[in-house]
C-alpha atoms as a PDB file:
ATOM      1  CA  UNK A   1      23.363  28.397 -14.430  1.00  0.00           C
ATOM      2  CA  UNK A   2      21.570  29.260 -10.794  1.00  0.00           C
ATOM      3  CA  UNK A   3      21.701  32.744  -9.444  1.00  0.00           C
ATOM      4  CA  UNK A   4      22.889  33.429  -5.930  1.00  0.00           C
ATOM      5  CA  UNK A   5      20.675  35.478  -3.735  1.00  0.00           C
ATOM      6  CA  UNK A   6      22.458  38.944  -2.842  1.00  0.00           C
ATOM      7  CA  UNK A   7      21.156  38.108   0.199  1.00  0.00           C
ATOM      8  CA  UNK A   8      22.517  35.230   1.269  1.00  0.00           C
ATOM      9  CA  UNK A   9      25.703  36.667   1.576  1.00  0.00           C
ATOM     10  CA  UNK A  10      24.733  39.167   4.076  1.00  0.00           C
ATOM     11  CA  UNK A  11      22.915  36.963   6.026  1.00  0.00           C
ATOM     12  CA  UNK A  12      23.778  33.245   6.530  1.00  0.00           C
ATOM     13  CA  UNK A  13      20.444  32.075   7.444  1.00  0.00           C
ATOM     14  CA  UNK A  14      18.880  33.873   3.793  1.00  0.00           C
ATOM     15  CA  UNK A  15      17.724  31.235   1.014  1.00  0.00           C
ATOM     16  CA  UNK A  16      20.606  30.874  -1.199  1.00  0.00           C
ATOM     17  CA  UNK A  17      18.384  30.796  -4.460  1.00  0.00           C
ATOM     18  CA  UNK A  18      16.010  32.987  -5.483  1.00  0.00           C
ATOM     19  CA  UNK A  19      12.257  31.507  -5.053  1.00  0.00           C
ATOM     20  CA  UNK A  20      11.823  31.141  -8.812  1.00  0.00           C
ATOM     21  CA  UNK A  21      15.367  29.121  -9.099  1.00  0.00           C
ATOM     22  CA  UNK A  22      13.753  26.432  -6.530  1.00  0.00           C
ATOM     23  CA  UNK A  23      10.355  26.330  -7.288  1.00  0.00           C
ATOM     24  CA  UNK A  24      10.342  23.810  -9.791  1.00  0.00           C
ATOM     25  CA  UNK A  25      13.186  21.632  -7.731  1.00  0.00           C
ATOM     26  CA  UNK A  26      10.116  21.729  -4.988  1.00  0.00           C
ATOM     27  CA  UNK A  27       7.523  21.432  -6.870  1.00  0.00           C
ATOM     28  CA  UNK A  28       8.537  18.189  -8.266  1.00  0.00           C
ATOM     29  CA  UNK A  29       8.355  16.295  -4.945  1.00  0.00           C
ATOM     30  CA  UNK A  30       5.528  18.068  -3.840  1.00  0.00           C
ATOM     31  CA  UNK A  31       3.371  17.277  -6.345  1.00  0.00           C
ATOM     32  CA  UNK A  32       3.485  13.503  -5.898  1.00  0.00           C
ATOM     33  CA  UNK A  33       2.516  13.960  -2.342  1.00  0.00           C
ATOM     34  CA  UNK A  34       6.003  15.033  -0.301  1.00  0.00           C
ATOM     35  CA  UNK A  35       5.554  16.918   2.295  1.00  0.00           C
ATOM     36  CA  UNK A  36       7.831  19.842   3.126  1.00  0.00           C
ATOM     37  CA  UNK A  37       9.911  20.245   6.219  1.00  0.00           C
ATOM     38  CA  UNK A  38      10.454  24.008   6.685  1.00  0.00           C
ATOM     39  CA  UNK A  39      11.357  24.986   9.896  1.00  0.00           C
ATOM     40  CA  UNK A  40      13.547  22.876  12.980  1.00  0.00           C
ATOM     41  CA  UNK A  41      10.181  22.150  14.843  1.00  0.00           C
ATOM     42  CA  UNK A  42       8.760  20.591  11.323  1.00  0.00           C
ATOM     43  CA  UNK A  43      11.908  18.124  11.373  1.00  0.00           C
ATOM     44  CA  UNK A  44      11.232  17.388  14.814  1.00  0.00           C
ATOM     45  CA  UNK A  45       7.693  16.673  14.642  1.00  0.00           C
ATOM     46  CA  UNK A  46       8.143  14.251  11.748  1.00  0.00           C
ATOM     47  CA  UNK A  47      11.122  12.250  12.867  1.00  0.00           C
ATOM     48  CA  UNK A  48      11.545  12.757  16.879  1.00  0.00           C
ATOM     49  CA  UNK A  49       9.348  10.105  16.641  1.00  0.00           C
ATOM     50  CA  UNK A  50       9.102   5.924  18.234  1.00  0.00           C
ATOM     51  CA  UNK A  51       6.139   4.667  16.564  1.00  0.00           C
ATOM     52  CA  UNK A  52       7.861   1.736  14.307  1.00  0.00           C
ATOM     53  CA  UNK A  53       6.939   3.883  11.079  1.00  0.00           C
ATOM     54  CA  UNK A  54       9.722   4.838   8.427  1.00  0.00           C
ATOM     55  CA  UNK A  55       9.950   8.080   7.054  1.00  0.00           C
ATOM     56  CA  UNK A  56      11.969   8.746   3.996  1.00  0.00           C
ATOM     57  CA  UNK A  57      13.945  12.826   4.181  1.00  0.00           C
ATOM     58  CA  UNK A  58      14.838  13.610   0.219  1.00  0.00           C
ATOM     59  CA  UNK A  59      17.073  16.325   0.839  1.00  0.00           C
ATOM     60  CA  UNK A  60      16.853  18.371  -1.826  1.00  0.00           C
ATOM     61  CA  UNK A  61      19.242  20.337  -3.928  1.00  0.00           C
ATOM     62  CA  UNK A  62      19.958  22.577  -7.081  1.00  0.00           C
ATOM     63  CA  UNK A  63      22.406  20.788  -8.057  1.00  0.00           C
ATOM     64  CA  UNK A  64      22.751  19.148 -11.389  1.00  0.00           C
ATOM     65  CA  UNK A  65      24.720  16.386 -11.465  1.00  0.00           C
ATOM     66  CA  UNK A  66      22.806  14.687  -8.879  1.00  0.00           C
ATOM     67  CA  UNK A  67      19.304  16.031  -8.134  1.00  0.00           C
ATOM     68  CA  UNK A  68      18.381  15.729 -11.476  1.00  0.00           C
ATOM     69  CA  UNK A  69      18.487  11.968 -11.331  1.00  0.00           C
ATOM     70  CA  UNK A  70      17.573  11.633  -7.553  1.00  0.00           C
ATOM     71  CA  UNK A  71      14.124  13.750  -7.391  1.00  0.00           C
ATOM     72  CA  UNK A  72      12.796  11.024 -10.427  1.00  0.00           C
ATOM     73  CA  UNK A  73      14.592   8.398  -8.765  1.00  0.00           C
ATOM     74  CA  UNK A  74      12.941   8.536  -5.485  1.00  0.00           C
ATOM     75  CA  UNK A  75       9.546   9.200  -7.057  1.00  0.00           C
ATOM     76  CA  UNK A  76      10.043   6.068  -8.537  1.00  0.00           C
ATOM     77  CA  UNK A  77      10.484   3.928  -6.128  1.00  0.00           C
ATOM     78  CA  UNK A  78       7.004   5.291  -4.883  1.00  0.00           C
ATOM     79  CA  UNK A  79       5.703   2.781  -7.137  1.00  0.00           C
ATOM     80  CA  UNK A  80       7.076  -0.253  -5.489  1.00  0.00           C
ATOM     81  CA  UNK A  81       4.992  -2.156  -3.074  1.00  0.00           C
ATOM     82  CA  UNK A  82       6.151  -2.016   0.200  1.00  0.00           C
ATOM     83  CA  UNK A  83       6.899   2.060   0.656  1.00  0.00           C
ATOM     84  CA  UNK A  84       7.636   4.553   4.268  1.00  0.00           C
ATOM     85  CA  UNK A  85       4.806   5.981   5.966  1.00  0.00           C
ATOM     86  CA  UNK A  86       5.708   9.657   5.136  1.00  0.00           C
ATOM     87  CA  UNK A  87       7.284  11.117   1.829  1.00  0.00           C
ATOM     88  CA  UNK A  88       9.043  14.450   3.527  1.00  0.00           C
ATOM     89  CA  UNK A  89      12.005  17.069   1.787  1.00  0.00           C
ATOM     90  CA  UNK A  90      14.404  19.546   3.343  1.00  0.00           C
ATOM     91  CA  UNK A  91      15.651  21.780   0.563  1.00  0.00           C
ATOM     92  CA  UNK A  92      19.326  22.672   1.109  1.00  0.00           C
ATOM     93  CA  UNK A  93      20.292  26.219   1.047  1.00  0.00           C
ATOM     94  CA  UNK A  94      17.028  27.298   1.155  1.00  0.00           C
ATOM     95  CA  UNK A  95      15.052  26.452   4.786  1.00  0.00           C
ATOM     96  CA  UNK A  96      18.976  26.598   6.526  1.00  0.00           C
ATOM     97  CA  UNK A  97      17.662  26.456  10.293  1.00  0.00           C
ATOM     98  CA  UNK A  98      15.827  23.204   9.126  1.00  0.00           C
ATOM     99  CA  UNK A  99      18.726  21.427   6.853  1.00  0.00           C
ATOM    100  CA  UNK A 100      21.226  22.508   9.623  1.00  0.00           C
ATOM    101  CA  UNK A 101      18.959  20.710  12.162  1.00  0.00           C
ATOM    102  CA  UNK A 102      18.237  17.898  10.114  1.00  0.00           C
ATOM    103  CA  UNK A 103      22.221  17.717   9.697  1.00  0.00           C
ATOM    104  CA  UNK A 104      23.308  17.941  13.337  1.00  0.00           C
ATOM    105  CA  UNK A 105      20.300  15.715  14.874  1.00  0.00           C
ATOM    106  CA  UNK A 106      19.449  13.842  12.420  1.00  0.00           C
ATOM    107  CA  UNK A 107      22.184  13.011  10.609  1.00  0.00           C
ATOM    108  CA  UNK A 108      25.672  13.394  12.976  1.00  0.00           C
ATOM    109  CA  UNK A 109      28.921  12.039  11.825  1.00  0.00           C
ATOM    110  CA  UNK A 110      27.799  12.083   8.638  1.00  0.00           C
ATOM    111  CA  UNK A 111      29.425  14.722   5.812  1.00  0.00           C
ATOM    112  CA  UNK A 112      27.018  17.770   4.916  1.00  0.00           C
ATOM    113  CA  UNK A 113      25.625  16.379   1.133  1.00  0.00           C
ATOM    114  CA  UNK A 114      22.989  17.450  -0.763  1.00  0.00           C
ATOM    115  CA  UNK A 115      20.962  15.923  -2.053  1.00  0.00           C
ATOM    116  CA  UNK A 116      20.606  13.096   0.040  1.00  0.00           C
ATOM    117  CA  UNK A 117      17.762  10.053   0.814  1.00  0.00           C
ATOM    118  CA  UNK A 118      17.401   8.409   3.597  1.00  0.00           C
ATOM    119  CA  UNK A 119      15.166   6.851   5.509  1.00  0.00           C
ATOM    120  CA  UNK A 120      14.469   6.733   8.812  1.00  0.00           C
ATOM    121  CA  UNK A 121      12.721   4.178  11.737  1.00  0.00           C
ATOM    122  CA  UNK A 122      12.402   5.653  15.275  1.00  0.00           C
ATOM    123  CA  UNK A 123      14.893   8.297  14.918  1.00  0.00           C
ATOM    124  CA  UNK A 124      17.062   6.632  13.601  1.00  0.00           C
ATOM    125  CA  UNK A 125      18.879   6.539  10.517  1.00  0.00           C
ATOM    126  CA  UNK A 126      18.142   2.364   8.721  1.00  0.00           C
ATOM    127  CA  UNK A 127      19.258   3.940   4.997  1.00  0.00           C
ATOM    128  CA  UNK A 128      20.704   6.657   3.465  1.00  0.00           C
ATOM    129  CA  UNK A 129      22.338   7.325  -0.378  1.00  0.00           C
ATOM    130  CA  UNK A 130      24.516  10.207   0.163  1.00  0.00           C
ATOM    131  CA  UNK A 131      25.380  12.560  -2.808  1.00  0.00           C
ATOM    132  CA  UNK A 132      28.350  10.534  -3.951  1.00  0.00           C
ATOM    133  CA  UNK A 133      26.546   7.541  -4.307  1.00  0.00           C
ATOM    134  CA  UNK A 134      23.879   9.422  -6.182  1.00  0.00           C
ATOM    135  CA  UNK A 135      26.317  11.073  -8.827  1.00  0.00           C
ATOM    136  CA  UNK A 136      26.934   9.303 -12.006  1.00  0.00           C
ATOM    137  CA  UNK A 137      23.598   7.478 -11.643  1.00  0.00           C
ATOM    138  CA  UNK A 138      20.374   7.155 -13.402  1.00  0.00           C
ATOM    139  CA  UNK A 139      16.630   7.305 -12.044  1.00  0.00           C
ATOM    140  CA  UNK A 140      16.044   3.580 -12.043  1.00  0.00           C
ATOM    141  CA  UNK A 141      19.552   2.587 -10.535  1.00  0.00           C
ATOM    142  CA  UNK A 142      18.031   5.184  -7.587  1.00  0.00           C
ATOM    143  CA  UNK A 143      15.227   3.469  -7.355  1.00  0.00           C
ATOM    144  CA  UNK A 144      15.622   0.258  -7.064  1.00  0.00           C
ATOM    145  CA  UNK A 145      17.869   1.414  -4.283  1.00  0.00           C
ATOM    146  CA  UNK A 146      15.606   2.783  -2.277  1.00  0.00           C
ATOM    147  CA  UNK A 147      13.199   0.247  -3.037  1.00  0.00           C
ATOM    148  CA  UNK A 148      15.444  -2.330  -2.208  1.00  0.00           C
ATOM    149  CA  UNK A 149      15.388  -0.458   1.115  1.00  0.00           C
ATOM    150  CA  UNK A 150      12.044  -0.034   1.340  1.00  0.00           C
ATOM    151  CA  UNK A 151      11.745  -4.519   1.166  1.00  0.00           C
ATOM    152  CA  UNK A 152      14.121  -4.185   4.229  1.00  0.00           C
ATOM    153  CA  UNK A 153      12.605  -1.536   6.625  1.00  0.00           C
ATOM    154  CA  UNK A 154       8.666  -0.985   5.946  1.00  0.00           C
ATOM    155  CA  UNK A 155       5.652  -2.517   6.232  1.00  0.00           C
ATOM    156  CA  UNK A 156       3.362  -0.317   4.934  1.00  0.00           C
ATOM    157  CA  UNK A 157       1.900  -1.323   1.582  1.00  0.00           C
ATOM    158  CA  UNK A 158       1.020   0.605  -1.453  1.00  0.00           C
ATOM    159  CA  UNK A 159      -2.760   0.333  -2.472  1.00  0.00           C
ATOM    160  CA  UNK A 160      -3.313   0.201  -6.422  1.00  0.00           C
ATOM    161  CA  UNK A 161      -4.813   3.651  -6.721  1.00  0.00           C
ATOM    162  CA  UNK A 162      -1.548   4.928  -5.144  1.00  0.00           C
ATOM    163  CA  UNK A 163       0.596   3.259  -7.511  1.00  0.00           C
ATOM    164  CA  UNK A 164      -1.772   4.608 -10.163  1.00  0.00           C
ATOM    165  CA  UNK A 165      -1.420   7.501  -9.485  1.00  0.00           C
ATOM    166  CA  UNK A 166       2.473   7.868  -9.148  1.00  0.00           C
ATOM    167  CA  UNK A 167       2.789   6.110 -12.899  1.00  0.00           C
ATOM    168  CA  UNK A 168       0.013   8.888 -13.986  1.00  0.00           C
ATOM    169  CA  UNK A 169       2.363  11.854 -11.964  1.00  0.00           C
ATOM    170  CA  UNK A 170       5.259  10.179 -13.808  1.00  0.00           C
ATOM    171  CA  UNK A 171       3.763   9.531 -17.191  1.00  0.00           C
ATOM    172  CA  UNK A 172       2.943  13.280 -17.040  1.00  0.00           C
ATOM    173  CA  UNK A 173       5.942  15.072 -15.708  1.00  0.00           C
ATOM    174  CA  UNK A 174       8.900  13.342 -17.166  1.00  0.00           C
ATOM    175  CA  UNK A 175       6.605  11.912 -20.397  1.00  0.00           C
ATOM    176  CA  UNK A 176       7.685   8.099 -20.576  1.00  0.00           C
ATOM    177  CA  UNK A 177       6.065   5.087 -20.392  1.00  0.00           C
ATOM    178  CA  UNK A 178       6.378   3.539 -17.224  1.00  0.00           C
ATOM    179  CA  UNK A 179       6.242  -0.012 -18.318  1.00  0.00           C
ATOM    180  CA  UNK A 180       9.542   0.679 -20.543  1.00  0.00           C
ATOM    181  CA  UNK A 181      11.448   1.455 -17.551  1.00  0.00           C
ATOM    182  CA  UNK A 182      13.610  -1.492 -16.457  1.00  0.00           C
ATOM    183  CA  UNK A 183      12.226  -1.103 -12.823  1.00  0.00           C
END
């Protein structure tokens, strides 16, 4: 069970979890090329644009009931021929100011949930999977939802080299043959 940081009980901006608890979940996404958004300025620099590029934001979480399939599902979606221009992540319970800014400015009116996976274009959410849409689903199901969104909103094509790199990462990280998955 994840231990709550004593400092977080005394200071609302302090991380909820120890770095040791969160690090493996961070590494899972960063290891395959996700850029971390650690501050409100990072969030704005990534999303406050009008350039027709698509940006995927994975609101990462320690949650075992949903994040454990959301992270691999998001990574599996990277095998699609069409893909977002950028893959980014912000971590709920850790970089609280960045997460709060992200939710308030870019997900207004949506009930806060983590994890969630949102695809943005020109500052607007064009697709989102919230926690209730992730819970109880496996990584392949999540990947299929994301790749459908990529087909509808993304124009960047993954190179064969990019796809091979992600395939190798998946096979090494999860000890599964990509060809055996029903993608």
